[in-house]
Amino acid sequence: MKQRDYETLRQHLAINIKTFRRDRELSQEGLSLEADVDRTYVSQIERSVGNPSLLILAALAHALGRDVSELLSPPAPRRQRGT
């Protein structure tokens, strides 16, 4: 895997976790408690800084009610406000 592809996956992960967390009306702290992951690590992942293990990805996916594959998939196009 090329470095560029890896960075793209981390960006997808960051956007998807933040989107799914907000959809569930969870704060970063709420997600961290449900997934048993430190809140600062959730923040790092959402900023594309963290490099989570499969165990962490599985815990986050479970807490969000999603599959790990959904966390790594290209994010859905953003909806415009008011539409």
PDB file of N, CA and C in Angstrom:
ATOM      1  N   MET A   1       0.845  -1.172   0.000  1.00  0.00           N
ATOM      2  CA  MET A   1       0.000   0.000   0.000  1.00  0.00           C
ATOM      3  C   MET A   1       0.894   1.240   0.000  1.00  0.00           C
ATOM      4  N   LYS A   2       0.570   2.169  -0.843  1.00  0.00           N
ATOM      5  CA  LYS A   2       1.329   3.408  -0.932  1.00  0.00           C
ATOM      6  C   LYS A   2       0.965   4.325   0.237  1.00  0.00           C
ATOM      7  N   GLN A   3       1.894   5.173   0.633  1.00  0.00           N
ATOM      8  CA  GLN A   3       1.671   6.114   1.736  1.00  0.00           C
ATOM      9  C   GLN A   3       0.445   6.976   1.469  1.00  0.00           C
ATOM     10  N   ARG A   4       0.264   7.387   0.238  1.00  0.00           N
ATOM     11  CA  ARG A   4      -0.881   8.225  -0.141  1.00  0.00           C
ATOM     12  C   ARG A   4      -2.192   7.495   0.129  1.00  0.00           C
ATOM     13  N   ASP A   5      -2.242   6.194  -0.172  1.00  0.00           N
ATOM     14  CA  ASP A   5      -3.448   5.395   0.062  1.00  0.00           C
ATOM     15  C   ASP A   5      -3.732   5.265   1.551  1.00  0.00           C
ATOM     16  N   TYR A   6      -2.668   5.105   2.326  1.00  0.00           N
ATOM     17  CA  TYR A   6      -2.799   4.994   3.770  1.00  0.00           C
ATOM     18  C   TYR A   6      -3.363   6.293   4.350  1.00  0.00           C
ATOM     19  N   GLU A   7      -2.864   7.424   3.902  1.00  0.00           N
ATOM     20  CA  GLU A   7      -3.358   8.722   4.369  1.00  0.00           C
ATOM     21  C   GLU A   7      -4.825   8.915   4.004  1.00  0.00           C
ATOM     22  N   THR A   8      -5.210   8.459   2.836  1.00  0.00           N
ATOM     23  CA  THR A   8      -6.615   8.548   2.419  1.00  0.00           C
ATOM     24  C   THR A   8      -7.496   7.727   3.347  1.00  0.00           C
ATOM     25  N   LEU A   9      -7.059   6.528   3.706  1.00  0.00           N
ATOM     26  CA  LEU A   9      -7.823   5.694   4.643  1.00  0.00           C
ATOM     27  C   LEU A   9      -7.962   6.382   5.998  1.00  0.00           C
ATOM     28  N   ARG A  10      -6.889   6.989   6.473  1.00  0.00           N
ATOM     29  CA  ARG A  10      -6.963   7.684   7.764  1.00  0.00           C
ATOM     30  C   ARG A  10      -7.924   8.868   7.697  1.00  0.00           C
ATOM     31  N   GLN A  11      -7.970   9.551   6.548  1.00  0.00           N
ATOM     32  CA  GLN A  11      -8.915  10.656   6.398  1.00  0.00           C
ATOM     33  C   GLN A  11     -10.349  10.146   6.365  1.00  0.00           C
ATOM     34  N   HIS A  12     -10.576   9.043   5.664  1.00  0.00           N
ATOM     35  CA  HIS A  12     -11.918   8.439   5.647  1.00  0.00           C
ATOM     36  C   HIS A  12     -12.334   8.067   7.063  1.00  0.00           C
ATOM     37  N   LEU A  13     -11.432   7.419   7.787  1.00  0.00           N
ATOM     38  CA  LEU A  13     -11.711   7.012   9.159  1.00  0.00           C
ATOM     39  C   LEU A  13     -12.064   8.218  10.020  1.00  0.00           C
ATOM     40  N   ALA A  14     -11.291   9.271   9.912  1.00  0.00           N
ATOM     41  CA  ALA A  14     -11.523  10.476  10.716  1.00  0.00           C
ATOM     42  C   ALA A  14     -12.904  11.072  10.440  1.00  0.00           C
ATOM     43  N   ILE A  15     -13.225  11.238   9.180  1.00  0.00           N
ATOM     44  CA  ILE A  15     -14.512  11.829   8.804  1.00  0.00           C
ATOM     45  C   ILE A  15     -15.663  10.930   9.243  1.00  0.00           C
ATOM     46  N   ASN A  16     -15.536   9.630   8.988  1.00  0.00           N
ATOM     47  CA  ASN A  16     -16.622   8.709   9.318  1.00  0.00           C
ATOM     48  C   ASN A  16     -16.865   8.605  10.812  1.00  0.00           C
ATOM     49  N   ILE A  17     -15.819   8.518  11.604  1.00  0.00           N
ATOM     50  CA  ILE A  17     -16.021   8.417  13.054  1.00  0.00           C
ATOM     51  C   ILE A  17     -16.708   9.678  13.568  1.00  0.00           C
ATOM     52  N   LYS A  18     -16.250  10.826  13.130  1.00  0.00           N
ATOM     53  CA  LYS A  18     -16.855  12.079  13.579  1.00  0.00           C
ATOM     54  C   LYS A  18     -18.326  12.157  13.143  1.00  0.00           C
ATOM     55  N   THR A  19     -18.594  11.789  11.902  1.00  0.00           N
ATOM     56  CA  THR A  19     -19.968  11.827  11.386  1.00  0.00           C
ATOM     57  C   THR A  19     -20.866  10.854  12.137  1.00  0.00           C
ATOM     58  N   PHE A  20     -20.424   9.601  12.290  1.00  0.00           N
ATOM     59  CA  PHE A  20     -21.235   8.593  12.975  1.00  0.00           C
ATOM     60  C   PHE A  20     -21.430   8.952  14.449  1.00  0.00           C
ATOM     61  N   ARG A  21     -20.406   9.518  15.070  1.00  0.00           N
ATOM     62  CA  ARG A  21     -20.514   9.934  16.477  1.00  0.00           C
ATOM     63  C   ARG A  21     -21.557  11.033  16.615  1.00  0.00           C
ATOM     64  N   ARG A  22     -21.504  12.007  15.735  1.00  0.00           N
ATOM     65  CA  ARG A  22     -22.478  13.105  15.787  1.00  0.00           C
ATOM     66  C   ARG A  22     -23.889  12.610  15.457  1.00  0.00           C
ATOM     67  N   ASP A  23     -24.002  11.667  14.520  1.00  0.00           N
ATOM     68  CA  ASP A  23     -25.313  11.090  14.196  1.00  0.00           C
ATOM     69  C   ASP A  23     -25.944  10.451  15.428  1.00  0.00           C
ATOM     70  N   ARG A  24     -25.122   9.866  16.282  1.00  0.00           N
ATOM     71  CA  ARG A  24     -25.605   9.235  17.513  1.00  0.00           C
ATOM     72  C   ARG A  24     -25.679  10.219  18.661  1.00  0.00           C
ATOM     73  N   GLU A  25     -25.377  11.494  18.366  1.00  0.00           N
ATOM     74  CA  GLU A  25     -25.396  12.569  19.357  1.00  0.00           C
ATOM     75  C   GLU A  25     -24.502  12.242  20.549  1.00  0.00           C
ATOM     76  N   LEU A  26     -23.317  11.738  20.239  1.00  0.00           N
ATOM     77  CA  LEU A  26     -22.317  11.423  21.257  1.00  0.00           C
ATOM     78  C   LEU A  26     -21.205  12.459  21.221  1.00  0.00           C
ATOM     79  N   SER A  27     -20.733  12.831  22.378  1.00  0.00           N
ATOM     80  CA  SER A  27     -19.521  13.632  22.459  1.00  0.00           C
ATOM     81  C   SER A  27     -18.335  12.684  22.290  1.00  0.00           C
ATOM     82  N   GLN A  28     -17.161  13.257  22.136  1.00  0.00           N
ATOM     83  CA  GLN A  28     -15.974  12.404  22.089  1.00  0.00           C
ATOM     84  C   GLN A  28     -15.845  11.619  23.391  1.00  0.00           C
ATOM     85  N   GLU A  29     -16.167  12.262  24.493  1.00  0.00           N
ATOM     86  CA  GLU A  29     -16.099  11.579  25.787  1.00  0.00           C
ATOM     87  C   GLU A  29     -17.114  10.441  25.854  1.00  0.00           C
ATOM     88  N   GLY A  30     -18.323  10.686  25.363  1.00  0.00           N
ATOM     89  CA  GLY A  30     -19.341   9.634  25.356  1.00  0.00           C
ATOM     90  C   GLY A  30     -18.904   8.434  24.530  1.00  0.00           C
ATOM     91  N   LEU A  31     -18.350   8.695  23.363  1.00  0.00           N
ATOM     92  CA  LEU A  31     -17.860   7.601  22.524  1.00  0.00           C
ATOM     93  C   LEU A  31     -16.710   6.880  23.210  1.00  0.00           C
ATOM     94  N   SER A  32     -15.824   7.636  23.816  1.00  0.00           N
ATOM     95  CA  SER A  32     -14.674   7.008  24.472  1.00  0.00           C
ATOM     96  C   SER A  32     -15.116   6.108  25.617  1.00  0.00           C
ATOM     97  N   LEU A  33     -16.136   6.511  26.348  1.00  0.00           N
ATOM     98  CA  LEU A  33     -16.649   5.678  27.438  1.00  0.00           C
ATOM     99  C   LEU A  33     -17.297   4.407  26.907  1.00  0.00           C
ATOM    100  N   GLU A  34     -18.093   4.535  25.852  1.00  0.00           N
ATOM    101  CA  GLU A  34     -18.762   3.362  25.277  1.00  0.00           C
ATOM    102  C   GLU A  34     -17.776   2.385  24.649  1.00  0.00           C
ATOM    103  N   ALA A  35     -16.711   2.907  24.063  1.00  0.00           N
ATOM    104  CA  ALA A  35     -15.736   2.054  23.373  1.00  0.00           C
ATOM    105  C   ALA A  35     -14.564   1.660  24.278  1.00  0.00           C
ATOM    106  N   ASP A  36     -14.501   2.247  25.479  1.00  0.00           N
ATOM    107  CA  ASP A  36     -13.392   2.011  26.405  1.00  0.00           C
ATOM    108  C   ASP A  36     -12.054   2.397  25.756  1.00  0.00           C
ATOM    109  N   VAL A  37     -12.061   3.594  25.163  1.00  0.00           N
ATOM    110  CA  VAL A  37     -10.890   4.168  24.505  1.00  0.00           C
ATOM    111  C   VAL A  37     -10.703   5.560  25.100  1.00  0.00           C
ATOM    112  N   ASP A  38      -9.488   5.970  25.337  1.00  0.00           N
ATOM    113  CA  ASP A  38      -9.234   7.283  25.910  1.00  0.00           C
ATOM    114  C   ASP A  38      -9.790   8.388  25.010  1.00  0.00           C
ATOM    115  N   ARG A  39     -10.389   9.420  25.619  1.00  0.00           N
ATOM    116  CA  ARG A  39     -11.002  10.504  24.858  1.00  0.00           C
ATOM    117  C   ARG A  39      -9.982  11.222  23.982  1.00  0.00           C
ATOM    118  N   THR A  40      -8.774  11.395  24.485  1.00  0.00           N
ATOM    119  CA  THR A  40      -7.765  12.081  23.677  1.00  0.00           C
ATOM    120  C   THR A  40      -7.401  11.262  22.443  1.00  0.00           C
ATOM    121  N   TYR A  41      -7.512   9.942  22.555  1.00  0.00           N
ATOM    122  CA  TYR A  41      -7.221   9.099  21.394  1.00  0.00           C
ATOM    123  C   TYR A  41      -8.326   9.211  20.351  1.00  0.00           C
ATOM    124  N   VAL A  42      -9.576   9.300  20.814  1.00  0.00           N
ATOM    125  CA  VAL A  42     -10.690   9.527  19.885  1.00  0.00           C
ATOM    126  C   VAL A  42     -10.449  10.833  19.135  1.00  0.00           C
ATOM    127  N   SER A  43     -10.028  11.860  19.851  1.00  0.00           N
ATOM    128  CA  SER A  43      -9.728  13.149  19.224  1.00  0.00           C
ATOM    129  C   SER A  43      -8.618  13.009  18.185  1.00  0.00           C
ATOM    130  N   GLN A  44      -7.571  12.274  18.521  1.00  0.00           N
ATOM    131  CA  GLN A  44      -6.470  12.077  17.579  1.00  0.00           C
ATOM    132  C   GLN A  44      -6.943  11.357  16.316  1.00  0.00           C
ATOM    133  N   ILE A  45      -7.786  10.362  16.480  1.00  0.00           N
ATOM    134  CA  ILE A  45      -8.299   9.624  15.321  1.00  0.00           C
ATOM    135  C   ILE A  45      -9.144  10.544  14.444  1.00  0.00           C
ATOM    136  N   GLU A  46      -9.984  11.365  15.085  1.00  0.00           N
ATOM    137  CA  GLU A  46     -10.837  12.287  14.326  1.00  0.00           C
ATOM    138  C   GLU A  46     -10.039  13.384  13.625  1.00  0.00           C
ATOM    139  N   ARG A  47      -8.807  13.598  14.044  1.00  0.00           N
ATOM    140  CA  ARG A  47      -7.941  14.590  13.394  1.00  0.00           C
ATOM    141  C   ARG A  47      -6.936  13.930  12.455  1.00  0.00           C
ATOM    142  N   SER A  48      -7.086  12.643  12.181  1.00  0.00           N
ATOM    143  CA  SER A  48      -6.182  11.871  11.315  1.00  0.00           C
ATOM    144  C   SER A  48      -4.763  11.814  11.861  1.00  0.00           C
ATOM    145  N   VAL A  49      -4.619  11.906  13.171  1.00  0.00           N
ATOM    146  CA  VAL A  49      -3.310  11.834  13.804  1.00  0.00           C
ATOM    147  C   VAL A  49      -3.083  10.438  14.381  1.00  0.00           C
ATOM    148  N   GLY A  50      -4.127   9.863  14.980  1.00  0.00           N
ATOM    149  CA  GLY A  50      -4.016   8.544  15.595  1.00  0.00           C
ATOM    150  C   GLY A  50      -3.949   7.432  14.566  1.00  0.00           C
ATOM    151  N   ASN A  51      -3.328   6.343  14.964  1.00  0.00           N
ATOM    152  CA  ASN A  51      -3.193   5.167  14.111  1.00  0.00           C
ATOM    153  C   ASN A  51      -3.753   3.966  14.890  1.00  0.00           C
ATOM    154  N   PRO A  52      -5.076   3.801  14.897  1.00  0.00           N
ATOM    155  CA  PRO A  52      -5.685   2.795  15.768  1.00  0.00           C
ATOM    156  C   PRO A  52      -5.423   1.360  15.310  1.00  0.00           C
ATOM    157  N   SER A  53      -5.347   0.485  16.296  1.00  0.00           N
ATOM    158  CA  SER A  53      -5.223  -0.944  16.031  1.00  0.00           C
ATOM    159  C   SER A  53      -6.581  -1.502  15.601  1.00  0.00           C
ATOM    160  N   LEU A  54      -6.577  -2.728  15.142  1.00  0.00           N
ATOM    161  CA  LEU A  54      -7.842  -3.381  14.780  1.00  0.00           C
ATOM    162  C   LEU A  54      -8.749  -3.509  15.992  1.00  0.00           C
ATOM    163  N   LEU A  55      -8.185  -3.761  17.158  1.00  0.00           N
ATOM    164  CA  LEU A  55      -8.976  -3.872  18.381  1.00  0.00           C
ATOM    165  C   LEU A  55      -9.696  -2.562  18.676  1.00  0.00           C
ATOM    166  N   ILE A  56      -9.003  -1.436  18.536  1.00  0.00           N
ATOM    167  CA  ILE A  56      -9.612  -0.121  18.759  1.00  0.00           C
ATOM    168  C   ILE A  56     -10.666   0.156  17.695  1.00  0.00           C
ATOM    169  N   LEU A  57     -10.365  -0.162  16.435  1.00  0.00           N
ATOM    170  CA  LEU A  57     -11.358   0.036  15.366  1.00  0.00           C
ATOM    171  C   LEU A  57     -12.622  -0.766  15.647  1.00  0.00           C
ATOM    172  N   ALA A  58     -12.455  -2.002  16.082  1.00  0.00           N
ATOM    173  CA  ALA A  58     -13.610  -2.853  16.386  1.00  0.00           C
ATOM    174  C   ALA A  58     -14.414  -2.281  17.553  1.00  0.00           C
ATOM    175  N   ALA A  59     -13.740  -1.786  18.571  1.00  0.00           N
ATOM    176  CA  ALA A  59     -14.431  -1.206  19.725  1.00  0.00           C
ATOM    177  C   ALA A  59     -15.203   0.050  19.328  1.00  0.00           C
ATOM    178  N   LEU A  60     -14.589   0.906  18.519  1.00  0.00           N
ATOM    179  CA  LEU A  60     -15.267   2.118  18.059  1.00  0.00           C
ATOM    180  C   LEU A  60     -16.458   1.773  17.172  1.00  0.00           C
ATOM    181  N   ALA A  61     -16.266   0.842  16.252  1.00  0.00           N
ATOM    182  CA  ALA A  61     -17.360   0.434  15.367  1.00  0.00           C
ATOM    183  C   ALA A  61     -18.530  -0.104  16.183  1.00  0.00           C
ATOM    184  N   HIS A  62     -18.241  -0.944  17.155  1.00  0.00           N
ATOM    185  CA  HIS A  62     -19.298  -1.512  18.001  1.00  0.00           C
ATOM    186  C   HIS A  62     -20.042  -0.406  18.756  1.00  0.00           C
ATOM    187  N   ALA A  63     -19.295   0.521  19.343  1.00  0.00           N
ATOM    188  CA  ALA A  63     -19.905   1.624  20.088  1.00  0.00           C
ATOM    189  C   ALA A  63     -20.771   2.509  19.191  1.00  0.00           C
ATOM    190  N   LEU A  64     -20.410   2.603  17.916  1.00  0.00           N
ATOM    191  CA  LEU A  64     -21.166   3.424  16.963  1.00  0.00           C
ATOM    192  C   LEU A  64     -22.263   2.651  16.251  1.00  0.00           C
ATOM    193  N   GLY A  65     -22.350   1.340  16.509  1.00  0.00           N
ATOM    194  CA  GLY A  65     -23.353   0.521  15.832  1.00  0.00           C
ATOM    195  C   GLY A  65     -23.062   0.338  14.358  1.00  0.00           C
ATOM    196  N   ARG A  66     -21.787   0.286  14.015  1.00  0.00           N
ATOM    197  CA  ARG A  66     -21.354   0.175  12.618  1.00  0.00           C
ATOM    198  C   ARG A  66     -20.396  -0.990  12.461  1.00  0.00           C
ATOM    199  N   ASP A  67     -20.125  -1.352  11.209  1.00  0.00           N
ATOM    200  CA  ASP A  67     -19.096  -2.335  10.894  1.00  0.00           C
ATOM    201  C   ASP A  67     -17.776  -1.597  10.696  1.00  0.00           C
ATOM    202  N   VAL A  68     -16.684  -2.297  10.968  1.00  0.00           N
ATOM    203  CA  VAL A  68     -15.363  -1.699  10.760  1.00  0.00           C
ATOM    204  C   VAL A  68     -15.222  -1.223   9.314  1.00  0.00           C
ATOM    205  N   SER A  69     -15.766  -1.984   8.377  1.00  0.00           N
ATOM    206  CA  SER A  69     -15.647  -1.604   6.964  1.00  0.00           C
ATOM    207  C   SER A  69     -16.292  -0.243   6.696  1.00  0.00           C
ATOM    208  N   GLU A  70     -17.358   0.090   7.425  1.00  0.00           N
ATOM    209  CA  GLU A  70     -18.005   1.391   7.243  1.00  0.00           C
ATOM    210  C   GLU A  70     -17.110   2.529   7.726  1.00  0.00           C
ATOM    211  N   LEU A  71     -16.291   2.248   8.733  1.00  0.00           N
ATOM    212  CA  LEU A  71     -15.389   3.286   9.240  1.00  0.00           C
ATOM    213  C   LEU A  71     -14.308   3.637   8.234  1.00  0.00           C
ATOM    214  N   LEU A  72     -13.932   2.664   7.410  1.00  0.00           N
ATOM    215  CA  LEU A  72     -12.834   2.864   6.463  1.00  0.00           C
ATOM    216  C   LEU A  72     -13.298   3.194   5.048  1.00  0.00           C
ATOM    217  N   SER A  73     -14.584   3.119   4.796  1.00  0.00           N
ATOM    218  CA  SER A  73     -15.126   3.384   3.461  1.00  0.00           C
ATOM    219  C   SER A  73     -15.089   4.876   3.142  1.00  0.00           C
ATOM    220  N   PRO A  74     -15.081   5.213   1.863  1.00  0.00           N
ATOM    221  CA  PRO A  74     -15.171   6.642   1.513  1.00  0.00           C
ATOM    222  C   PRO A  74     -16.442   7.236   2.120  1.00  0.00           C
ATOM    223  N   PRO A  75     -16.327   8.389   2.755  1.00  0.00           N
ATOM    224  CA  PRO A  75     -17.505   8.996   3.383  1.00  0.00           C
ATOM    225  C   PRO A  75     -18.557   9.391   2.357  1.00  0.00           C
ATOM    226  N   ALA A  76     -19.790   9.375   2.810  1.00  0.00           N
ATOM    227  CA  ALA A  76     -20.889   9.827   1.956  1.00  0.00           C
ATOM    228  C   ALA A  76     -20.709  11.316   1.689  1.00  0.00           C
ATOM    229  N   PRO A  77     -21.126  11.770   0.509  1.00  0.00           N
ATOM    230  CA  PRO A  77     -21.035  13.217   0.237  1.00  0.00           C
ATOM    231  C   PRO A  77     -21.800  14.000   1.298  1.00  0.00           C
ATOM    232  N   ARG A  78     -21.226  15.126   1.696  1.00  0.00           N
ATOM    233  CA  ARG A  78     -21.868  15.944   2.708  1.00  0.00           C
ATOM    234  C   ARG A  78     -23.140  16.565   2.164  1.00  0.00           C
ATOM    235  N   ARG A  79     -24.155  16.586   3.040  1.00  0.00           N
ATOM    236  CA  ARG A  79     -25.413  17.251   2.691  1.00  0.00           C
ATOM    237  C   ARG A  79     -25.266  18.732   2.974  1.00  0.00           C
ATOM    238  N   GLN A  80     -25.846  19.531   2.126  1.00  0.00           N
ATOM    239  CA  GLN A  80     -25.840  20.964   2.323  1.00  0.00           C
ATOM    240  C   GLN A  80     -26.857  21.288   3.411  1.00  0.00           C
ATOM    241  N   ARG A  81     -26.533  22.258   4.243  1.00  0.00           N
ATOM    242  CA  ARG A  81     -27.478  22.666   5.287  1.00  0.00           C
ATOM    243  C   ARG A  81     -28.733  23.229   4.640  1.00  0.00           C
ATOM    244  N   GLY A  82     -29.875  22.892   5.248  1.00  0.00           N
ATOM    245  CA  GLY A  82     -31.142  23.394   4.749  1.00  0.00           C
ATOM    246  C   GLY A  82     -31.722  22.605   3.606  1.00  0.00           C
ATOM    247  N   THR A  83     -31.071  21.479   3.214  1.00  0.00           N
ATOM    248  CA  THR A  83     -31.618  20.659   2.125  1.00  0.00           C
ATOM    249  C   THR A  83     -31.946  19.293   2.624  1.00  0.00           C
TER     250      THR A  83
END
